C-alpha atoms as a PDB file:
ATOM      1  CA  MET A   1      32.918  89.961  90.550  1.00  0.00           C
ATOM      2  CA  ALA A   2      34.893  87.288  92.400  1.00  0.00           C
ATOM      3  CA  LEU A   3      37.783  85.675  90.616  1.00  0.00           C
ATOM      4  CA  ILE A   4      37.210  82.175  89.299  1.00  0.00           C
ATOM      5  CA  ALA A   5      39.619  79.499  90.543  1.00  0.00           C
ATOM      6  CA  SER A   6      43.084  79.894  89.063  1.00  0.00           C
ATOM      7  CA  HIS A   7      44.270  77.463  86.407  1.00  0.00           C
ATOM      8  CA  VAL A   8      47.649  75.878  87.162  1.00  0.00           C
ATOM      9  CA  PRO A   9      48.899  74.078  84.038  1.00  0.00           C
ATOM     10  CA  PRO A  10      50.528  70.637  84.191  1.00  0.00           C
ATOM     11  CA  LEU A  11      54.292  70.420  84.088  1.00  0.00           C
ATOM     12  CA  LEU A  12      56.012  69.711  80.787  1.00  0.00           C
ATOM     13  CA  PRO A  13      56.415  67.355  79.000  1.00  0.00           C
ATOM     14  CA  LEU A  14      52.748  66.515  78.625  1.00  0.00           C
ATOM     15  CA  ALA A  15      51.475  62.966  78.880  1.00  0.00           C
ATOM     16  CA  VAL A  16      49.533  63.497  75.635  1.00  0.00           C
ATOM     17  CA  ASP A  17      50.109  62.251  72.084  1.00  0.00           C
ATOM     18  CA  LEU A  18      50.482  65.615  70.368  1.00  0.00           C
ATOM     19  CA  GLU A  19      51.745  64.478  66.975  1.00  0.00           C
ATOM     20  CA  THR A  20      48.500  63.088  65.589  1.00  0.00           C
ATOM     21  CA  LYS A  21      48.033  62.184  61.928  1.00  0.00           C
ATOM     22  CA  ARG A  22      46.549  65.642  61.189  1.00  0.00           C
ATOM     23  CA  VAL A  23      49.403  67.394  62.979  1.00  0.00           C
ATOM     24  CA  LEU A  24      52.070  65.319  61.200  1.00  0.00           C
ATOM     25  CA  LYS A  25      50.526  66.138  57.817  1.00  0.00           C
ATOM     26  CA  LYS A  26      50.498  69.853  58.667  1.00  0.00           C
ATOM     27  CA  LEU A  27      54.073  69.676  59.952  1.00  0.00           C
ATOM     28  CA  ALA A  28      55.275  68.513  56.537  1.00  0.00           C
ATOM     29  CA  THR A  29      53.849  71.534  54.713  1.00  0.00           C
ATOM     30  CA  ALA A  30      54.917  73.974  57.453  1.00  0.00           C
ATOM     31  CA  HIS A  31      58.523  72.749  57.352  1.00  0.00           C
ATOM     32  CA  ARG A  32      58.544  72.935  53.550  1.00  0.00           C
ATOM     33  CA  ALA A  33      57.365  76.569  53.684  1.00  0.00           C
ATOM     34  CA  LEU A  34      60.027  77.395  56.298  1.00  0.00           C
ATOM     35  CA  ALA A  35      62.762  75.859  54.146  1.00  0.00           C
ATOM     36  CA  GLU A  36      61.675  78.009  51.187  1.00  0.00           C
ATOM     37  CA  LEU A  37      61.777  81.111  53.386  1.00  0.00           C
ATOM     38  CA  LYS A  38      65.284  80.352  54.618  1.00  0.00           C
ATOM     39  CA  GLY A  39      66.399  79.946  51.017  1.00  0.00           C
ATOM     40  CA  ALA A  40      64.838  83.255  50.011  1.00  0.00           C
ATOM     41  CA  ALA A  41      66.357  85.098  52.987  1.00  0.00           C
ATOM     42  CA  GLY A  42      69.780  83.885  51.880  1.00  0.00           C
ATOM     43  CA  LEU A  43      69.432  85.924  48.669  1.00  0.00           C
ATOM     44  CA  VAL A  44      69.827  89.190  50.564  1.00  0.00           C
ATOM     45  CA  PRO A  45      73.557  89.590  51.299  1.00  0.00           C
ATOM     46  CA  ASN A  46      73.082  91.651  54.460  1.00  0.00           C
ATOM     47  CA  GLU A  47      70.785  89.848  56.915  1.00  0.00           C
ATOM     48  CA  ALA A  48      70.392  93.048  58.942  1.00  0.00           C
ATOM     49  CA  ILE A  49      68.335  94.592  56.123  1.00  0.00           C
ATOM     50  CA  LEU A  50      65.554  92.041  56.544  1.00  0.00           C
ATOM     51  CA  ILE A  51      65.812  91.882  60.326  1.00  0.00           C
ATOM     52  CA  ASN A  52      65.698  95.667  60.748  1.00  0.00           C
ATOM     53  CA  THR A  53      62.882  96.177  58.264  1.00  0.00           C
ATOM     54  CA  LEU A  54      60.689  93.174  59.012  1.00  0.00           C
ATOM     55  CA  SER A  55      61.142  93.223  62.794  1.00  0.00           C
ATOM     56  CA  LEU A  56      59.309  96.553  62.839  1.00  0.00           C
ATOM     57  CA  GLN A  57      56.455  94.991  60.882  1.00  0.00           C
ATOM     58  CA  GLU A  58      56.198  92.166  63.414  1.00  0.00           C
ATOM     59  CA  ALA A  59      56.476  94.577  66.345  1.00  0.00           C
ATOM     60  CA  LYS A  60      53.702  96.734  64.881  1.00  0.00           C
ATOM     61  CA  ASP A  61      51.360  93.772  64.280  1.00  0.00           C
ATOM     62  CA  SER A  62      52.068  92.082  67.614  1.00  0.00           C
ATOM     63  CA  SER A  63      51.515  95.328  69.519  1.00  0.00           C
ATOM     64  CA  ALA A  64      48.219  95.800  67.676  1.00  0.00           C
ATOM     65  CA  ILE A  65      46.985  92.527  69.227  1.00  0.00           C
ATOM     66  CA  GLU A  66      47.269  94.353  72.587  1.00  0.00           C
ATOM     67  CA  ASN A  67      45.562  97.453  71.120  1.00  0.00           C
ATOM     68  CA  ILE A  68      48.852  99.377  70.884  1.00  0.00           C
ATOM     69  CA  ILE A  69      48.228 100.968  67.508  1.00  0.00           C
ATOM     70  CA  THR A  70      50.689 103.056  65.526  1.00  0.00           C
ATOM     71  CA  THR A  71      51.248 104.031  61.892  1.00  0.00           C
ATOM     72  CA  HIS A  72      54.049 103.276  59.481  1.00  0.00           C
ATOM     73  CA  ASP A  73      54.760 107.002  59.239  1.00  0.00           C
ATOM     74  CA  ASP A  74      55.224 107.326  63.002  1.00  0.00           C
ATOM     75  CA  LEU A  75      57.489 104.285  63.030  1.00  0.00           C
ATOM     76  CA  TYR A  76      59.752 105.412  60.242  1.00  0.00           C
ATOM     77  CA  ARG A  77      59.926 109.006  61.464  1.00  0.00           C
ATOM     78  CA  SER A  78      61.239 107.775  64.811  1.00  0.00           C
ATOM     79  CA  ASP A  79      64.912 107.322  65.685  1.00  0.00           C
ATOM     80  CA  ASP A  80      65.429 104.527  68.202  1.00  0.00           C
ATOM     81  CA  ALA A  81      69.183 105.113  68.444  1.00  0.00           C
ATOM     82  CA  ALA A  82      68.638 108.756  69.413  1.00  0.00           C
ATOM     83  CA  ASP A  83      65.645 107.888  71.654  1.00  0.00           C
ATOM     84  CA  ARG A  84      63.358 110.195  69.658  1.00  0.00           C
ATOM     85  CA  PHE A  85      59.915 108.914  68.762  1.00  0.00           C
ATOM     86  CA  ALA A  86      57.016 110.325  66.783  1.00  0.00           C
ATOM     87  CA  SER A  87      54.463 108.954  69.283  1.00  0.00           C
ATOM     88  CA  VAL A  88      54.179 107.016  72.531  1.00  0.00           C
ATOM     89  CA  THR A  89      52.928 103.960  70.661  1.00  0.00           C
ATOM     90  CA  ALA A  90      55.868 104.142  68.222  1.00  0.00           C
ATOM     91  CA  LYS A  91      58.179 104.034  71.246  1.00  0.00           C
ATOM     92  CA  GLU A  92      56.366 100.896  72.463  1.00  0.00           C
ATOM     93  CA  VAL A  93      56.755  99.230  69.080  1.00  0.00           C
ATOM     94  CA  TYR A  94      60.480 100.028  68.910  1.00  0.00           C
ATOM     95  CA  ALA A  95      60.944  98.559  72.393  1.00  0.00           C
ATOM     96  CA  TYR A  96      59.272  95.380  71.136  1.00  0.00           C
ATOM     97  CA  ALA A  97      61.507  95.209  68.049  1.00  0.00           C
ATOM     98  CA  ARG A  98      64.606  95.780  70.189  1.00  0.00           C
ATOM     99  CA  ALA A  99      63.604  93.022  72.631  1.00  0.00           C
ATOM    100  CA  MET A 100      62.973  90.656  69.728  1.00  0.00           C
ATOM    101  CA  ARG A 101      66.324  91.334  68.046  1.00  0.00           C
ATOM    102  CA  ASP A 102      68.197  91.044  71.352  1.00  0.00           C
ATOM    103  CA  GLY A 103      66.461  87.750  72.086  1.00  0.00           C
ATOM    104  CA  PHE A 104      67.269  86.340  68.671  1.00  0.00           C
ATOM    105  CA  GLN A 105      70.949  87.317  68.981  1.00  0.00           C
ATOM    106  CA  THR A 106      71.082  85.684  72.429  1.00  0.00           C
ATOM    107  CA  VAL A 107      69.673  82.431  71.047  1.00  0.00           C
ATOM    108  CA  ARG A 108      72.086  82.544  68.129  1.00  0.00           C
ATOM    109  CA  ARG A 109      75.042  83.149  70.456  1.00  0.00           C
ATOM    110  CA  THR A 110      74.227  80.691  73.245  1.00  0.00           C
ATOM    111  CA  GLY A 111      71.735  78.250  71.768  1.00  0.00           C
ATOM    112  CA  LEU A 112      69.650  78.678  74.936  1.00  0.00           C
ATOM    113  CA  ILE A 113      66.721  80.694  76.262  1.00  0.00           C
ATOM    114  CA  THR A 114      66.979  81.049  80.030  1.00  0.00           C
ATOM    115  CA  ILE A 115      64.657  82.565  82.603  1.00  0.00           C
ATOM    116  CA  ASN A 116      67.047  85.518  82.764  1.00  0.00           C
ATOM    117  CA  ASP A 117      66.696  85.975  78.994  1.00  0.00           C
ATOM    118  CA  ILE A 118      62.895  86.000  79.288  1.00  0.00           C
ATOM    119  CA  LEU A 119      63.099  88.488  82.162  1.00  0.00           C
ATOM    120  CA  ALA A 120      65.374  90.684  80.020  1.00  0.00           C
ATOM    121  CA  MET A 121      62.877  90.635  77.123  1.00  0.00           C
ATOM    122  CA  GLN A 122      60.053  91.733  79.392  1.00  0.00           C
ATOM    123  CA  ALA A 123      62.216  94.401  81.053  1.00  0.00           C
ATOM    124  CA  THR A 124      63.047  95.872  77.630  1.00  0.00           C
ATOM    125  CA  LEU A 125      59.364  95.897  76.696  1.00  0.00           C
ATOM    126  CA  GLU A 126      58.059  97.420  79.903  1.00  0.00           C
ATOM    127  CA  ARG A 127      61.143  99.463  80.847  1.00  0.00           C
ATOM    128  CA  ASN A 128      61.102  98.155  84.412  1.00  0.00           C
ATOM    129  CA  GLN A 129      62.524  95.340  86.510  1.00  0.00           C
ATOM    130  CA  ALA A 130      59.265  94.126  88.060  1.00  0.00           C
ATOM    131  CA  GLY A 131      60.021  90.473  87.335  1.00  0.00           C
ATOM    132  CA  PHE A 132      57.544  87.692  88.019  1.00  0.00           C
ATOM    133  CA  ARG A 133      54.219  88.507  89.679  1.00  0.00           C
ATOM    134  CA  ARG A 134      54.269  88.390  93.479  1.00  0.00           C
ATOM    135  CA  LEU A 135      50.821  89.856  94.241  1.00  0.00           C
ATOM    136  CA  PRO A 136      47.558  87.970  93.570  1.00  0.00           C
ATOM    137  CA  GLY A 137      44.656  89.457  91.651  1.00  0.00           C
ATOM    138  CA  THR A 138      45.640  88.998  87.980  1.00  0.00           C
ATOM    139  CA  ALA A 139      42.775  87.854  85.763  1.00  0.00           C
ATOM    140  CA  LEU A 140      42.137  87.984  82.019  1.00  0.00           C
ATOM    141  CA  LYS A 141      38.816  89.553  81.109  1.00  0.00           C
ATOM    142  CA  ASN A 142      36.615  89.858  78.064  1.00  0.00           C
ATOM    143  CA  ASP A 143      37.314  93.335  76.609  1.00  0.00           C
ATOM    144  CA  LYS A 144      33.626  93.931  75.849  1.00  0.00           C
ATOM    145  CA  THR A 145      31.818  92.420  78.839  1.00  0.00           C
ATOM    146  CA  GLY A 146      34.453  92.598  81.575  1.00  0.00           C
ATOM    147  CA  GLU A 147      33.761  88.950  82.382  1.00  0.00           C
ATOM    148  CA  VAL A 148      36.704  87.003  83.810  1.00  0.00           C
ATOM    149  CA  VAL A 149      37.560  84.309  81.262  1.00  0.00           C
ATOM    150  CA  PHE A 150      40.809  83.002  82.709  1.00  0.00           C
ATOM    151  CA  THR A 151      42.695  83.300  85.984  1.00  0.00           C
ATOM    152  CA  PRO A 152      46.367  82.274  85.751  1.00  0.00           C
ATOM    153  CA  PRO A 153      48.431  80.950  88.672  1.00  0.00           C
ATOM    154  CA  GLN A 154      48.271  83.580  91.422  1.00  0.00           C
ATOM    155  CA  SER A 155      51.158  82.717  93.724  1.00  0.00           C
ATOM    156  CA  TYR A 156      54.841  83.426  93.094  1.00  0.00           C
ATOM    157  CA  ASP A 157      55.438  80.008  94.660  1.00  0.00           C
ATOM    158  CA  GLU A 158      53.441  78.521  91.759  1.00  0.00           C
ATOM    159  CA  ILE A 159      54.847  80.755  89.021  1.00  0.00           C
ATOM    160  CA  ALA A 160      58.559  80.280  89.793  1.00  0.00           C
ATOM    161  CA  PRO A 161      58.628  76.455  89.574  1.00  0.00           C
ATOM    162  CA  LEU A 162      56.394  76.494  86.479  1.00  0.00           C
ATOM    163  CA  MET A 163      58.839  78.860  84.760  1.00  0.00           C
ATOM    164  CA  ALA A 164      61.808  76.731  85.860  1.00  0.00           C
ATOM    165  CA  ASN A 165      60.071  73.700  84.326  1.00  0.00           C
ATOM    166  CA  LEU A 166      59.385  75.684  81.140  1.00  0.00           C
ATOM    167  CA  GLU A 167      63.046  76.730  80.957  1.00  0.00           C
ATOM    168  CA  ARG A 168      64.147  73.097  81.067  1.00  0.00           C
ATOM    169  CA  PHE A 169      61.639  72.162  78.376  1.00  0.00           C
ATOM    170  CA  ILE A 170      62.670  75.082  76.130  1.00  0.00           C
ATOM    171  CA  ASN A 171      66.294  74.030  76.260  1.00  0.00           C
ATOM    172  CA  GLY A 172      65.710  70.465  75.215  1.00  0.00           C
ATOM    173  CA  GLU A 173      65.291  68.562  78.463  1.00  0.00           C
ATOM    174  CA  ASP A 174      62.411  66.065  78.583  1.00  0.00           C
ATOM    175  CA  THR A 175      60.967  67.066  75.199  1.00  0.00           C
ATOM    176  CA  LEU A 176      60.032  63.480  74.239  1.00  0.00           C
ATOM    177  CA  ASP A 177      61.668  64.145  70.843  1.00  0.00           C
ATOM    178  CA  LEU A 178      58.874  66.455  69.777  1.00  0.00           C
ATOM    179  CA  ASP A 179      59.087  68.173  66.417  1.00  0.00           C
ATOM    180  CA  PRO A 180      60.548  71.698  66.982  1.00  0.00           C
ATOM    181  CA  LEU A 181      57.395  73.391  65.665  1.00  0.00           C
ATOM    182  CA  VAL A 182      55.155  71.366  67.964  1.00  0.00           C
ATOM    183  CA  ARG A 183      57.480  72.174  70.847  1.00  0.00           C
ATOM    184  CA  MET A 184      57.287  75.885  69.952  1.00  0.00           C
ATOM    185  CA  ALA A 185      53.478  75.787  70.016  1.00  0.00           C
ATOM    186  CA  VAL A 186      53.427  73.967  73.375  1.00  0.00           C
ATOM    187  CA  ILE A 187      55.942  76.422  74.889  1.00  0.00           C
ATOM    188  CA  HIS A 188      53.955  79.408  73.651  1.00  0.00           C
ATOM    189  CA  HIS A 189      50.757  78.037  75.164  1.00  0.00           C
ATOM    190  CA  GLN A 190      52.426  77.194  78.466  1.00  0.00           C
ATOM    191  CA  PHE A 191      53.966  80.657  78.779  1.00  0.00           C
ATOM    192  CA  GLU A 192      50.672  82.390  78.028  1.00  0.00           C
ATOM    193  CA  THR A 193      48.923  80.173  80.585  1.00  0.00           C
ATOM    194  CA  ILE A 194      51.487  80.808  83.321  1.00  0.00           C
ATOM    195  CA  HIS A 195      51.181  84.535  82.510  1.00  0.00           C
ATOM    196  CA  PRO A 196      54.156  85.276  84.778  1.00  0.00           C
ATOM    197  CA  PHE A 197      54.334  89.067  84.525  1.00  0.00           C
ATOM    198  CA  TYR A 198      52.133  91.924  85.637  1.00  0.00           C
ATOM    199  CA  ASP A 199      52.178  93.310  82.082  1.00  0.00           C
ATOM    200  CA  GLY A 200      53.621  92.505  78.660  1.00  0.00           C
ATOM    201  CA  ASN A 201      52.886  88.765  78.799  1.00  0.00           C
ATOM    202  CA  GLY A 202      51.350  88.546  75.326  1.00  0.00           C
ATOM    203  CA  ARG A 203      54.142  90.442  73.618  1.00  0.00           C
ATOM    204  CA  THR A 204      56.876  88.651  75.573  1.00  0.00           C
ATOM    205  CA  GLY A 205      55.294  85.316  74.679  1.00  0.00           C
ATOM    206  CA  ARG A 206      55.219  86.186  70.996  1.00  0.00           C
ATOM    207  CA  ILE A 207      58.866  87.313  71.089  1.00  0.00           C
ATOM    208  CA  LEU A 208      59.745  84.006  72.740  1.00  0.00           C
ATOM    209  CA  LYS A 209      57.845  82.166  70.011  1.00  0.00           C
ATOM    210  CA  GLU A 210      59.796  83.937  67.258  1.00  0.00           C
ATOM    211  CA  ASP A 211      63.117  83.215  68.967  1.00  0.00           C
ATOM    212  CA  LEU A 212      62.219  79.528  69.202  1.00  0.00           C
ATOM    213  CA  LEU A 213      61.583  79.351  65.461  1.00  0.00           C
ATOM    214  CA  GLY A 214      65.217  80.237  64.778  1.00  0.00           C
ATOM    215  CA  THR A 215      64.278  82.226  61.663  1.00  0.00           C
ATOM    216  CA  PRO A 216      64.885  85.955  62.113  1.00  0.00           C
ATOM    217  CA  VAL A 217      62.361  87.055  59.488  1.00  0.00           C
ATOM    218  CA  LEU A 218      59.331  84.831  60.128  1.00  0.00           C
ATOM    219  CA  TYR A 219      56.814  86.835  62.107  1.00  0.00           C
ATOM    220  CA  LEU A 220      53.439  85.345  62.965  1.00  0.00           C
ATOM    221  CA  SER A 221      51.598  88.245  64.586  1.00  0.00           C
ATOM    222  CA  ARG A 222      49.930  89.368  61.365  1.00  0.00           C
ATOM    223  CA  TYR A 223      48.256  85.958  61.140  1.00  0.00           C
ATOM    224  CA  ILE A 224      47.233  86.071  64.819  1.00  0.00           C
ATOM    225  CA  ASN A 225      45.960  89.640  64.544  1.00  0.00           C
ATOM    226  CA  GLN A 226      43.720  88.681  61.636  1.00  0.00           C
ATOM    227  CA  ARG A 227      42.391  85.662  63.567  1.00  0.00           C
ATOM    228  CA  LYS A 228      42.518  87.036  67.097  1.00  0.00           C
ATOM    229  CA  ALA A 229      39.215  85.513  68.230  1.00  0.00           C
ATOM    230  CA  ASP A 230      40.356  82.030  67.190  1.00  0.00           C
ATOM    231  CA  TYR A 231      43.712  82.555  68.908  1.00  0.00           C
ATOM    232  CA  TYR A 232      42.151  83.333  72.286  1.00  0.00           C
ATOM    233  CA  ARG A 233      39.426  80.716  71.862  1.00  0.00           C
ATOM    234  CA  LEU A 234      41.932  77.951  71.167  1.00  0.00           C
ATOM    235  CA  LEU A 235      44.249  79.032  73.980  1.00  0.00           C
ATOM    236  CA  GLN A 236      41.324  78.649  76.355  1.00  0.00           C
ATOM    237  CA  ALA A 237      40.045  75.400  74.813  1.00  0.00           C
ATOM    238  CA  VAL A 238      43.338  73.711  75.645  1.00  0.00           C
ATOM    239  CA  ARG A 239      43.072  74.905  79.251  1.00  0.00           C
ATOM    240  CA  THR A 240      39.485  73.838  79.769  1.00  0.00           C
ATOM    241  CA  ASP A 241      39.130  70.809  77.492  1.00  0.00           C
ATOM    242  CA  GLY A 242      42.642  69.718  76.513  1.00  0.00           C
ATOM    243  CA  VAL A 243      41.974  70.353  72.805  1.00  0.00           C
ATOM    244  CA  TRP A 244      45.607  70.352  71.727  1.00  0.00           C
ATOM    245  CA  GLU A 245      45.179  69.242  68.118  1.00  0.00           C
ATOM    246  CA  GLU A 246      43.218  72.325  67.037  1.00  0.00           C
ATOM    247  CA  TRP A 247      45.700  74.640  68.761  1.00  0.00           C
ATOM    248  CA  LEU A 248      48.654  72.926  67.060  1.00  0.00           C
ATOM    249  CA  ILE A 249      46.956  73.054  63.646  1.00  0.00           C
ATOM    250  CA  TYR A 250      46.295  76.785  64.150  1.00  0.00           C
ATOM    251  CA  MET A 251      49.946  77.490  64.985  1.00  0.00           C
ATOM    252  CA  LEU A 252      51.312  75.315  62.183  1.00  0.00           C
ATOM    253  CA  ASP A 253      48.965  76.983  59.703  1.00  0.00           C
ATOM    254  CA  ALA A 254      50.319  80.336  60.927  1.00  0.00           C
ATOM    255  CA  VAL A 255      53.871  79.155  60.244  1.00  0.00           C
ATOM    256  CA  GLU A 256      52.995  77.837  56.794  1.00  0.00           C
ATOM    257  CA  GLN A 257      50.985  80.827  55.634  1.00  0.00           C
ATOM    258  CA  MET A 258      53.313  83.502  57.008  1.00  0.00           C
ATOM    259  CA  ALA A 259      56.413  81.704  55.727  1.00  0.00           C
ATOM    260  CA  GLY A 260      54.870  81.729  52.258  1.00  0.00           C
ATOM    261  CA  GLN A 261      53.863  85.371  52.499  1.00  0.00           C
ATOM    262  CA  THR A 262      57.253  86.403  53.851  1.00  0.00           C
ATOM    263  CA  THR A 263      59.061  84.400  51.144  1.00  0.00           C
ATOM    264  CA  ARG A 264      57.167  86.326  48.485  1.00  0.00           C
ATOM    265  CA  LEU A 265      57.904  89.611  50.281  1.00  0.00           C
ATOM    266  CA  VAL A 266      61.633  88.845  50.507  1.00  0.00           C
ATOM    267  CA  HIS A 267      61.731  88.091  46.773  1.00  0.00           C
ATOM    268  CA  ARG A 268      59.996  91.392  46.064  1.00  0.00           C
ATOM    269  CA  ILE A 269      62.441  93.273  48.312  1.00  0.00           C
ATOM    270  CA  TRP A 270      65.378  91.574  46.589  1.00  0.00           C
ATOM    271  CA  ASP A 271      64.024  92.445  43.127  1.00  0.00           C
ATOM    272  CA  LEU A 272      63.576  96.049  44.259  1.00  0.00           C
ATOM    273  CA  MET A 273      67.135  96.170  45.596  1.00  0.00           C
ATOM    274  CA  LEU A 274      68.476  94.906  42.275  1.00  0.00           C
ATOM    275  CA  ASP A 275      66.444  97.536  40.403  1.00  0.00           C
ATOM    276  CA  HIS A 276      67.782 100.305  42.664  1.00  0.00           C
ATOM    277  CA  LYS A 277      71.310  98.950  42.308  1.00  0.00           C
ATOM    278  CA  VAL A 278      71.145  99.106  38.497  1.00  0.00           C
ATOM    279  CA  ARG A 279      69.818 102.677  38.588  1.00  0.00           C
ATOM    280  CA  LEU A 280      72.404 103.805  41.106  1.00  0.00           C
ATOM    281  CA  ARG A 281      75.275 102.392  39.076  1.00  0.00           C
ATOM    282  CA  ARG A 282      73.936 103.876  35.853  1.00  0.00           C
ATOM    283  CA  GLU A 283      72.782 107.302  37.052  1.00  0.00           C
ATOM    284  CA  LEU A 284      74.953 107.981  40.125  1.00  0.00           C
ATOM    285  CA  PRO A 285      78.189 106.028  39.603  1.00  0.00           C
ATOM    286  CA  ARG A 286      80.210 108.543  41.655  1.00  0.00           C
ATOM    287  CA  ILE A 287      78.274 107.910  44.854  1.00  0.00           C
ATOM    288  CA  TYR A 288      77.207 104.295  44.334  1.00  0.00           C
ATOM    289  CA  SER A 289      78.206 101.809  47.022  1.00  0.00           C
ATOM    290  CA  GLN A 290      76.686  98.653  48.454  1.00  0.00           C
ATOM    291  CA  ASP A 291      76.606 100.387  51.844  1.00  0.00           C
ATOM    292  CA  LEU A 292      74.467 103.200  50.451  1.00  0.00           C
ATOM    293  CA  LEU A 293      72.085 100.685  48.869  1.00  0.00           C
ATOM    294  CA  ASN A 294      71.876  98.775  52.155  1.00  0.00           C
ATOM    295  CA  ASN A 295      71.083 102.000  53.995  1.00  0.00           C
ATOM    296  CA  MET A 296      68.165 102.711  51.663  1.00  0.00           C
ATOM    297  CA  PHE A 297      66.608  99.328  52.493  1.00  0.00           C
ATOM    298  CA  SER A 298      67.456  99.222  56.208  1.00  0.00           C
ATOM    299  CA  HIS A 299      65.648 102.531  56.747  1.00  0.00           C
ATOM    300  CA  PRO A 300      62.554 102.996  54.558  1.00  0.00           C
ATOM    301  CA  TYR A 301      62.511 106.507  56.065  1.00  0.00           C
ATOM    302  CA  SER A 302      66.163 107.545  56.032  1.00  0.00           C
ATOM    303  CA  LYS A 303      67.724 110.625  57.562  1.00  0.00           C
ATOM    304  CA  ILE A 304      71.001 112.441  57.162  1.00  0.00           C
ATOM    305  CA  ALA A 305      72.106 111.117  60.564  1.00  0.00           C
ATOM    306  CA  PHE A 306      71.443 107.520  59.470  1.00  0.00           C
ATOM    307  CA  VAL A 307      73.644 107.867  56.383  1.00  0.00           C
ATOM    308  CA  GLU A 308      76.370 109.567  58.429  1.00  0.00           C
ATOM    309  CA  ARG A 309      76.340 106.739  60.944  1.00  0.00           C
ATOM    310  CA  ASP A 310      75.971 103.784  58.559  1.00  0.00           C
ATOM    311  CA  LEU A 311      78.444 104.951  55.924  1.00  0.00           C
ATOM    312  CA  GLY A 312      80.888 106.818  58.183  1.00  0.00           C
ATOM    313  CA  VAL A 313      80.697 110.014  56.129  1.00  0.00           C
ATOM    314  CA  SER A 314      80.361 113.696  56.984  1.00  0.00           C
ATOM    315  CA  ARG A 315      76.983 115.416  57.288  1.00  0.00           C
ATOM    316  CA  ILE A 316      77.684 117.369  54.088  1.00  0.00           C
ATOM    317  CA  THR A 317      78.413 114.165  52.173  1.00  0.00           C
ATOM    318  CA  ALA A 318      75.396 112.385  53.628  1.00  0.00           C
ATOM    319  CA  THR A 319      73.148 115.293  52.628  1.00  0.00           C
ATOM    320  CA  ARG A 320      74.551 115.263  49.109  1.00  0.00           C
ATOM    321  CA  TYR A 321      73.941 111.525  48.756  1.00  0.00           C
ATOM    322  CA  LEU A 322      70.326 111.799  49.836  1.00  0.00           C
ATOM    323  CA  ASP A 323      69.662 114.831  47.668  1.00  0.00           C
ATOM    324  CA  GLU A 324      71.096 113.007  44.649  1.00  0.00           C
ATOM    325  CA  LEU A 325      68.913 109.974  45.358  1.00  0.00           C
ATOM    326  CA  THR A 326      65.933 112.313  45.567  1.00  0.00           C
ATOM    327  CA  ARG A 327      66.870 114.015  42.273  1.00  0.00           C
ATOM    328  CA  ILE A 328      66.719 110.738  40.323  1.00  0.00           C
ATOM    329  CA  GLY A 329      63.498 109.659  42.048  1.00  0.00           C
ATOM    330  CA  LEU A 330      64.757 106.798  44.231  1.00  0.00           C
ATOM    331  CA  MET A 331      63.947 108.765  47.385  1.00  0.00           C
ATOM    332  CA  ARG A 332      61.363 111.394  48.204  1.00  0.00           C
ATOM    333  CA  LYS A 333      62.212 114.250  50.557  1.00  0.00           C
ATOM    334  CA  HIS A 334      59.676 115.076  53.245  1.00  0.00           C
ATOM    335  CA  LYS A 335      60.186 117.859  55.764  1.00  0.00           C
ATOM    336  CA  ILE A 336      58.598 117.694  59.228  1.00  0.00           C
ATOM    337  CA  GLY A 337      59.418 120.671  61.400  1.00  0.00           C
ATOM    338  CA  ARG A 338      63.126 121.301  61.097  1.00  0.00           C
ATOM    339  CA  GLU A 339      64.001 117.754  60.112  1.00  0.00           C
ATOM    340  CA  SER A 340      64.095 116.239  56.644  1.00  0.00           C
ATOM    341  CA  TYR A 341      63.172 112.615  55.996  1.00  0.00           C
ATOM    342  CA  TYR A 342      63.990 110.740  52.817  1.00  0.00           C
ATOM    343  CA  MET A 343      61.467 108.057  51.921  1.00  0.00           C
ATOM    344  CA  ASN A 344      62.168 104.963  49.852  1.00  0.00           C
ATOM    345  CA  ARG A 345      58.647 105.176  48.454  1.00  0.00           C
ATOM    346  CA  ALA A 346      58.768 101.921  46.514  1.00  0.00           C
ATOM    347  CA  LEU A 347      59.849  99.973  49.612  1.00  0.00           C
ATOM    348  CA  LEU A 348      57.251 101.717  51.781  1.00  0.00           C
ATOM    349  CA  ASP A 349      54.521 100.837  49.276  1.00  0.00           C
ATOM    350  CA  LEU A 350      55.693  97.215  49.267  1.00  0.00           C
ATOM    351  CA  LEU A 351      55.683  96.963  53.071  1.00  0.00           C
ATOM    352  CA  GLY A 352      52.357  98.775  53.340  1.00  0.00           C
ATOM    353  CA  ASN A 353      50.703  96.290  50.995  1.00  0.00           C
ATOM    354  CA  VAL A 354      52.345  93.156  52.366  1.00  0.00           C
ATOM    355  CA  GLN A 355      49.012  91.292  52.539  1.00  0.00           C
ATOM    356  CA  THR A 356      48.698  91.453  48.753  1.00  0.00           C
ATOM    357  CA  VAL A 357      52.227  90.153  48.143  1.00  0.00           C
END
């Protein structure tokens, strides 16, 4: 089947009134939900606990949109630091989480997202340095019928200036004073439409979206995964018919709903940490430390090596700590091959049932 004519999006900023009455009303509730999430996240004294734990949830859900499916068990049995993974798909998910954390730290450090930063995200995801597409032939097809539904810009000479324009828009030039959430939704759409890479565009675009939000624990892929048909339909409706309002409402609803869900999850995690802290102090006062508690919640599946590394203790001491936690029921020991894993069952149950939180 011959490719349909490629779609080259207009340069940003758009000559369109994006902040309609409906959008402004939705912005108010989305910002209120984000503010509540930021307040909840501040309860947890070590930000890394939420980032490490929840980034894997986002990576898992975002990868599932691209049919990269893995299980919680495979994720938590893997060791990214040691480059040991329970499955190929778990390795893909960890690469996503690493790219997302690196991107967020870059934004926090520099306040910018450059083309080089976007290239670095994609390189981490795909483990190559292919860069922007230089060969024509890329087309997005219907998974079931094989029909071409969208053909992005084909020429490197089109892609490079579009990405340079997007970089300027991302970093605050010519934004027409758009609300940050509207700007995020426009940037996400523009990136997905440019589709600059041979592979990993969807995941890179969703990482970019999270970095733009400036909140390290708000992850929208669960919402998108549950409404995938609407996501792709609305992406295309903007391209073909300029239907921006419905796309913006969809993205703002994602922010509002997932901020609320994540706020409730953070409160539940914090309550669980306090419960574990009380039990540790009461039943294991000799080994209690905030670092040990943090380790239990940074790694829902912990290992002796994790405790050694995080607490700076010997292997013998780390083993004793985990065995004591298992004895009082705060952890559950699970042996796979020669290696022992120690599960924070209550945290795993909470993360596994996040939709009911």
